[in-house]
Protein backbone atom coordinates (compact mmCIF):
# COMPACT_ATOMS: atom_id res chain seq x y z
CA MET A 1 -5.22 15.18 -21.38
CA ARG A 2 -7.10 13.22 -24.29
CA GLN A 3 -8.33 10.27 -21.74
CA PHE A 4 -9.01 9.58 -18.35
CA LEU A 5 -8.97 5.82 -17.76
CA THR A 6 -6.71 4.94 -15.21
CA VAL A 7 -3.28 6.68 -12.90
CA ASP A 8 -1.19 6.84 -15.46
CA ASP A 9 -3.52 9.35 -17.00
CA ILE A 10 -3.46 11.85 -14.54
CA GLY A 11 0.11 12.45 -14.40
CA ASP A 12 1.81 13.34 -10.74
CA ILE A 13 -0.24 11.99 -8.34
CA GLU A 14 0.83 15.43 -5.36
CA ASN A 15 0.07 17.43 -8.32
CA ALA A 16 -3.31 15.90 -8.89
CA LEU A 17 -3.61 16.28 -4.91
CA ASN A 18 -2.94 19.86 -5.32
CA GLU A 19 -4.77 21.14 -7.75
CA ALA A 20 -7.55 19.12 -5.99
CA ARG A 21 -7.14 21.20 -3.05
CA ILE A 22 -7.60 24.58 -4.90
CA LEU A 23 -10.33 23.40 -6.89
CA LYS A 24 -12.21 22.43 -3.72
CA ARG A 25 -11.54 25.78 -2.05
CA ASN A 26 -12.68 27.68 -5.15
CA PRO A 27 -15.20 25.54 -7.22
CA HIS A 28 -15.66 28.82 -9.63
CA GLY A 29 -12.10 30.23 -10.22
CA PHE A 30 -11.63 28.56 -13.34
CA SER A 31 -15.49 28.73 -15.04
CA TYR A 32 -14.50 30.51 -18.08
CA LEU A 33 -12.50 28.04 -19.20
CA GLY A 34 -16.23 26.18 -20.22
CA LYS A 35 -17.58 28.84 -21.80
CA TYR A 36 -19.69 27.98 -24.66
CA LYS A 37 -18.43 24.47 -24.15
CA THR A 38 -21.20 21.11 -23.63
CA MET A 39 -19.84 18.07 -21.98
CA ILE A 40 -22.32 14.55 -23.17
CA LEU A 41 -22.62 12.23 -20.07
CA LEU A 42 -23.04 8.66 -21.44
CA PHE A 43 -24.97 5.60 -18.71
CA PHE A 44 -25.12 2.20 -19.98
CA ASN A 45 -25.82 1.90 -16.38
CA SER A 46 -27.69 3.37 -13.26
CA SER A 47 -25.36 6.02 -11.83
CA LEU A 48 -26.72 8.49 -8.79
CA ARG A 49 -23.31 10.27 -7.33
CA THR A 50 -21.49 9.94 -10.65
CA ARG A 51 -23.54 11.18 -12.52
CA LEU A 52 -24.50 14.05 -10.10
CA SER A 53 -20.74 14.88 -9.58
CA THR A 54 -19.81 14.90 -12.70
CA GLN A 55 -22.91 17.54 -13.78
CA LYS A 56 -21.90 19.71 -10.69
CA ALA A 57 -18.33 19.29 -11.66
CA ALA A 58 -18.79 20.39 -15.25
CA ARG A 59 -21.06 23.30 -14.35
CA ASN A 60 -18.69 24.58 -11.55
CA LEU A 61 -16.70 24.97 -14.88
CA GLY A 62 -18.90 26.91 -17.37
CA MET A 63 -19.76 24.07 -19.31
CA GLU A 64 -23.43 23.11 -20.36
CA VAL A 65 -24.08 19.71 -19.58
CA ILE A 66 -26.02 16.82 -21.68
CA VAL A 67 -27.46 13.58 -19.64
CA LEU A 68 -28.29 10.62 -21.86
CA ASP A 69 -29.18 7.25 -20.76
CA VAL A 70 -28.49 5.52 -23.70
CA ASN A 71 -30.70 2.44 -22.25
CA LYS A 72 -33.67 5.01 -22.20
CA ASP A 73 -33.00 8.01 -23.85
CA GLY A 74 -31.72 6.90 -27.28
CA TRP A 75 -31.69 3.54 -29.83
CA LYS A 76 -30.14 0.47 -28.73
CA LEU A 77 -26.20 1.03 -29.67
CA GLU A 78 -24.34 -2.47 -30.84
CA SER A 79 -20.83 -2.65 -30.03
CA GLU A 80 -19.84 -5.62 -31.89
CA PHE A 81 -18.32 -5.87 -35.13
CA GLY A 82 -19.22 -8.19 -38.29
CA VAL A 83 -22.80 -8.88 -36.62
CA ILE A 84 -25.86 -9.04 -38.88
CA MET A 85 -28.02 -6.26 -36.78
CA ASP A 86 -31.50 -8.02 -37.23
CA GLY A 87 -32.21 -7.95 -33.73
CA ASP A 88 -33.10 -5.29 -30.88
CA LYS A 89 -30.23 -2.71 -31.44
CA PRO A 90 -30.87 -0.57 -34.75
CA GLU A 91 -27.52 1.53 -33.97
CA HIS A 92 -24.03 0.75 -33.99
CA LEU A 93 -21.88 2.49 -31.78
CA ARG A 94 -19.01 2.95 -34.80
CA GLU A 95 -22.09 5.43 -36.22
CA ALA A 96 -22.92 6.85 -33.31
CA ILE A 97 -19.87 8.18 -31.95
CA PRO A 98 -18.89 10.17 -33.81
CA VAL A 99 -22.18 11.99 -34.07
CA ILE A 100 -22.22 12.49 -30.09
CA GLY A 101 -18.30 13.86 -30.61
CA SER A 102 -20.03 16.40 -33.34
CA TYR A 103 -22.12 17.60 -30.07
CA CYS A 104 -19.81 18.36 -27.95
CA ASP A 105 -16.33 19.24 -26.24
CA ILE A 106 -15.70 16.35 -23.63
CA ILE A 107 -17.47 12.63 -23.55
CA GLY A 108 -18.06 10.91 -20.27
CA VAL A 109 -18.94 7.13 -20.24
CA ARG A 110 -20.32 4.82 -17.97
CA SER A 111 -20.48 0.97 -18.71
CA PHE A 112 -19.85 -2.26 -16.94
CA ALA A 113 -18.69 -5.25 -16.62
CA SER A 114 -20.41 -8.13 -18.34
CA LEU A 115 -18.81 -10.31 -16.24
CA ASN A 116 -19.40 -13.21 -18.46
CA ASP A 117 -16.19 -12.01 -21.28
CA LYS A 118 -12.78 -11.66 -19.49
CA LYS A 119 -11.34 -11.06 -21.72
CA ALA A 120 -13.71 -8.36 -23.41
CA ASP A 121 -13.91 -6.75 -20.46
CA TYR A 122 -10.37 -6.15 -19.27
CA ASN A 123 -9.70 -4.88 -22.96
CA GLU A 124 -12.11 -2.43 -21.90
CA ASP A 125 -14.30 -2.99 -25.93
CA ILE A 126 -16.86 -0.96 -25.30
CA ILE A 127 -14.91 2.63 -24.06
CA MET A 128 -11.85 1.86 -26.40
CA GLN A 129 -14.45 2.40 -28.69
CA TYR A 130 -15.17 5.71 -27.87
CA ILE A 131 -11.65 6.64 -27.70
CA GLU A 132 -11.26 5.41 -30.79
CA PHE A 133 -13.98 7.20 -33.28
CA ALA A 134 -14.89 10.13 -31.28
CA SER A 135 -12.86 13.64 -32.09
CA VAL A 136 -13.12 14.50 -28.11
CA PRO A 137 -11.08 13.65 -24.98
CA ILE A 138 -13.36 10.79 -23.19
CA VAL A 139 -13.61 10.21 -19.70
CA SER A 140 -14.45 6.92 -17.84
CA LEU A 141 -17.29 7.74 -15.01
CA GLU A 142 -16.76 3.27 -14.76
CA SER A 143 -15.39 1.19 -17.35
CA ALA A 144 -15.54 -2.98 -17.24
CA THR A 145 -12.91 -2.81 -14.92
CA ARG A 146 -11.85 0.66 -13.69
CA HIS A 147 -13.62 3.52 -11.82
CA PRO A 148 -10.21 6.33 -11.53
CA LEU A 149 -13.00 9.05 -10.62
CA GLN A 150 -14.01 7.16 -7.62
CA ALA A 151 -10.52 6.17 -6.29
CA PHE A 152 -9.20 9.76 -7.00
CA ALA A 153 -12.03 10.84 -4.61
CA ASP A 154 -10.73 8.05 -2.36
CA LEU A 155 -7.02 9.14 -2.39
CA TYR A 156 -8.07 12.79 -1.81
CA THR A 157 -10.50 12.09 1.25
CA ILE A 158 -7.30 9.52 3.18
CA GLU A 159 -5.60 12.63 2.51
CA GLU A 160 -7.84 15.45 4.11
CA TYR A 161 -8.36 12.81 6.90
CA LYS A 162 -5.25 11.11 7.77
CA THR A 163 -3.65 12.54 10.76
CA LYS A 164 -0.17 10.67 10.23
CA LYS A 165 2.14 11.00 6.87
CA ARG A 166 1.87 7.35 6.17
CA PRO A 167 -1.70 5.51 7.07
CA LYS A 168 -2.13 2.29 7.34
CA VAL A 169 -4.99 1.53 4.45
CA VAL A 170 -7.78 -1.49 4.55
CA LEU A 171 -9.57 -3.02 1.35
CA THR A 172 -11.30 -5.60 2.46
CA TRP A 173 -13.80 -7.58 0.86
CA ALA A 174 -17.23 -7.92 2.13
CA PRO A 175 -20.68 -9.94 1.18
CA HIS A 176 -23.31 -9.00 -1.13
CA PRO A 177 -26.41 -10.68 -2.82
CA ARG A 178 -25.31 -10.03 -6.62
CA ALA A 179 -22.06 -10.72 -8.44
CA LEU A 180 -20.38 -6.99 -9.06
CA PRO A 181 -17.38 -5.66 -11.28
CA GLN A 182 -13.90 -5.82 -9.70
CA ALA A 183 -12.96 -2.16 -11.04
CA VAL A 184 -13.67 0.18 -7.97
CA ALA A 185 -11.22 -2.51 -6.03
CA ASN A 186 -8.79 -2.64 -9.08
CA SER A 187 -8.57 1.10 -9.21
CA PHE A 188 -8.26 1.55 -5.22
CA VAL A 189 -5.38 -0.68 -5.74
CA GLU A 190 -3.84 1.67 -8.36
CA TRP A 191 -4.18 4.97 -6.56
CA MET A 192 -2.87 3.45 -3.14
CA LYS A 193 -0.49 2.22 -4.53
CA LYS A 194 0.80 5.69 -6.15
CA GLY A 195 -0.23 7.48 -2.90
CA ASP A 196 1.89 7.33 0.55
CA VAL A 197 -0.28 4.55 2.32
CA ASP A 198 0.42 1.16 3.33
CA LEU A 199 -1.82 -1.14 1.84
CA VAL A 200 -2.86 -4.44 2.38
CA VAL A 201 -5.99 -6.11 0.69
CA THR A 202 -7.86 -8.64 2.46
CA HIS A 203 -10.31 -11.18 0.81
CA PRO A 204 -11.75 -14.84 1.08
CA GLU A 205 -9.36 -17.31 -0.93
CA GLY A 206 -10.46 -16.95 -4.63
CA TYR A 207 -11.28 -13.60 -4.80
CA GLU A 208 -7.68 -12.43 -5.86
CA LEU A 209 -7.33 -9.35 -8.03
CA GLU A 210 -5.14 -9.40 -11.06
CA GLU A 211 -2.28 -10.75 -10.53
CA GLY A 212 -0.31 -7.51 -12.05
CA LEU A 213 -2.17 -5.21 -9.86
CA MET A 214 -1.55 -6.28 -7.02
CA GLU A 215 2.55 -6.96 -7.59
CA GLY A 216 3.90 -5.28 -4.40
CA VAL A 217 0.48 -4.77 -2.08
CA GLU A 218 0.48 -7.09 1.27
CA LEU A 219 -2.27 -10.04 0.70
CA GLU A 220 -3.46 -11.45 3.79
CA TYR A 221 -6.74 -13.63 4.03
CA ASN A 222 -6.99 -12.79 7.79
CA GLN A 223 -9.19 -10.28 7.88
CA GLN A 224 -9.13 -9.35 11.56
CA LYS A 225 -5.76 -9.16 11.26
CA ALA A 226 -5.56 -7.40 8.38
CA PHE A 227 -7.39 -4.49 10.63
CA GLU A 228 -5.25 -4.65 13.46
CA GLY A 229 -3.80 -1.30 13.49
CA ALA A 230 -5.13 0.29 10.40
CA ASP A 231 -6.21 3.76 10.09
CA PHE A 232 -8.91 3.49 7.25
CA ILE A 233 -11.05 0.34 6.19
CA TYR A 234 -12.68 0.77 2.73
CA ALA A 235 -15.19 -2.16 2.30
CA LYS A 236 -15.85 -3.15 -1.09
CA ASN A 237 -17.34 -6.28 -2.51
CA TRP A 238 -16.27 -7.90 -5.95
CA SER A 239 -16.84 -10.66 -7.70
CA SER A 240 -14.26 -13.68 -8.62
CA TYR A 241 -11.72 -12.60 -11.16
CA SER A 242 -10.47 -16.07 -11.46
CA ASP A 243 -13.47 -18.20 -11.64
CA TYR A 244 -14.78 -15.24 -13.23
CA GLY A 245 -17.80 -13.04 -12.49
CA LYS A 246 -19.01 -15.53 -10.32
CA ILE A 247 -19.88 -15.66 -6.58
CA LEU A 248 -17.89 -17.74 -4.67
CA THR A 249 -19.14 -17.72 -1.43
CA LYS A 250 -21.75 -14.89 0.66
CA ASP A 251 -20.07 -15.59 4.16
CA ARG A 252 -21.68 -12.92 6.23
CA SER A 253 -18.84 -12.99 8.92
CA TRP A 254 -17.13 -10.81 6.33
CA MET A 255 -19.45 -7.77 7.42
CA VAL A 256 -17.65 -4.94 8.80
CA ASP A 257 -19.31 -4.36 12.13
CA GLU A 258 -18.03 -2.94 15.25
CA PRO A 259 -15.99 -5.67 16.99
CA LYS A 260 -13.69 -5.13 13.90
CA MET A 261 -13.64 -1.47 13.84
CA GLU A 262 -11.84 -2.13 17.38
CA LEU A 263 -9.17 -4.17 16.42
CA THR A 264 -8.23 -0.78 14.12
CA ASN A 265 -6.60 2.44 15.03
CA ASP A 266 -9.69 4.12 15.43
CA ALA A 267 -10.06 3.76 11.99
CA MET A 268 -12.19 6.00 9.52
CA PHE A 269 -14.83 3.39 7.60
CA MET A 270 -15.09 4.19 3.91
CA HIS A 271 -17.90 3.15 1.39
CA CYS A 272 -18.03 3.77 -2.52
CA LEU A 273 -21.65 3.85 -1.92
CA PRO A 274 -24.21 2.91 -2.56
CA VAL A 275 -23.83 0.47 0.45
CA ARG A 276 -25.76 -2.76 1.59
CA ARG A 277 -26.56 -2.08 5.36
CA ASN A 278 -26.06 -5.09 7.69
CA MET A 279 -24.82 -7.41 4.67
CA VAL A 280 -21.60 -5.14 3.62
CA VAL A 281 -21.85 -3.14 7.27
CA SER A 282 -23.22 -3.13 10.25
CA ASP A 283 -25.34 0.02 10.91
CA GLY A 284 -23.38 0.87 13.77
CA VAL A 285 -20.15 1.24 11.79
CA ILE A 286 -21.84 3.32 8.67
CA ASP A 287 -23.86 5.77 11.46
CA SER A 288 -20.91 6.50 13.43
CA SER A 289 -18.57 9.59 13.76
CA ARG A 290 -15.86 7.88 12.85
CA SER A 291 -17.53 7.45 9.26
CA ILE A 292 -16.91 9.01 6.35
CA VAL A 293 -18.76 8.00 3.14
CA ILE A 294 -20.63 11.57 2.82
CA PRO A 295 -17.46 13.45 2.72
CA GLN A 296 -15.92 10.59 0.61
CA ALA A 297 -19.07 10.74 -1.67
CA THR A 298 -18.92 14.70 -1.40
CA ASN A 299 -15.16 14.88 -3.12
CA ARG A 300 -16.41 12.67 -5.72
CA VAL A 301 -16.93 16.50 -7.32
CA VAL A 302 -13.41 17.12 -6.87
CA SER A 303 -12.48 14.55 -8.28
CA ALA A 304 -14.28 15.03 -11.48
CA GLN A 305 -13.33 19.03 -11.52
CA VAL A 306 -9.69 18.73 -11.95
CA VAL A 307 -10.11 16.15 -14.62
CA ILE A 308 -12.68 18.14 -16.88
CA LYS A 309 -10.36 21.36 -16.08
CA ARG A 310 -7.33 19.73 -17.28
CA MET A 311 -9.34 18.38 -20.32
CA LEU A 312 -10.48 21.76 -20.97
CA GLU A 313 -7.31 23.75 -21.04
CA LYS A 314 -5.61 21.31 -24.07
CA LEU A 315 -9.01 22.07 -25.87
């Protein structure tokens, strides 16, 4: 595996899930793979779970890990081509990327969407430059339009907690004070489509995800109807795709609360975290025994370790 950006890069889903089970039982069983090898993690945006879980995963595999906060620890980096670099960015990605690649064996990159330029975001202009100019494998730690490590962990968590072969999984939009990317929602839909689940997506009108992504997925605008009989509820905010990057509503009635969860089949509650309590989800739901947000976050180590292990095996 030379790159990990989408579900298509992981190959057979069942094989990946089985590998995750093995690594969770024996996290240090393959530590010889990373001996004398280095992974550099580059963060253009803030991170807690992604940073810590990926560090932990790489170290479980015997690697040295270097973390660089691009906005604090190095020069500001220019990503556009053809610009006159007379501003506050003294170094271009075109030079920085191959230099970084020369110092390590794998690079992890986290870069959010601008939410201003849909074409640039959906072309993944930042992370594609790393793939083009680095000489080492690239792991997406979240890009403008996808968060594959999160979605892999989500699917693995559902596999751990499901009580029927094919559970009903609902991805519900929830209100948020800020405009957020579609990355988590996009990847969740992609990975659930590959998994053995019945997926329903529910959101207010105007928050439709990319049309091709939603092909074959049930869309329900009535949130309460979508919740009926659900086995898993996954709450997440995202900004508009059609009216790109815009907040069209902050309708608080879309918050996940106890009365809505009573419509479900005693569903588990999931969220990628961090979460705005009593805006996205009520205290009563996230603090309940049916909330699995902490095990879900813990599984971020497992998903990252599968990906890094496969890359090390190909070096």
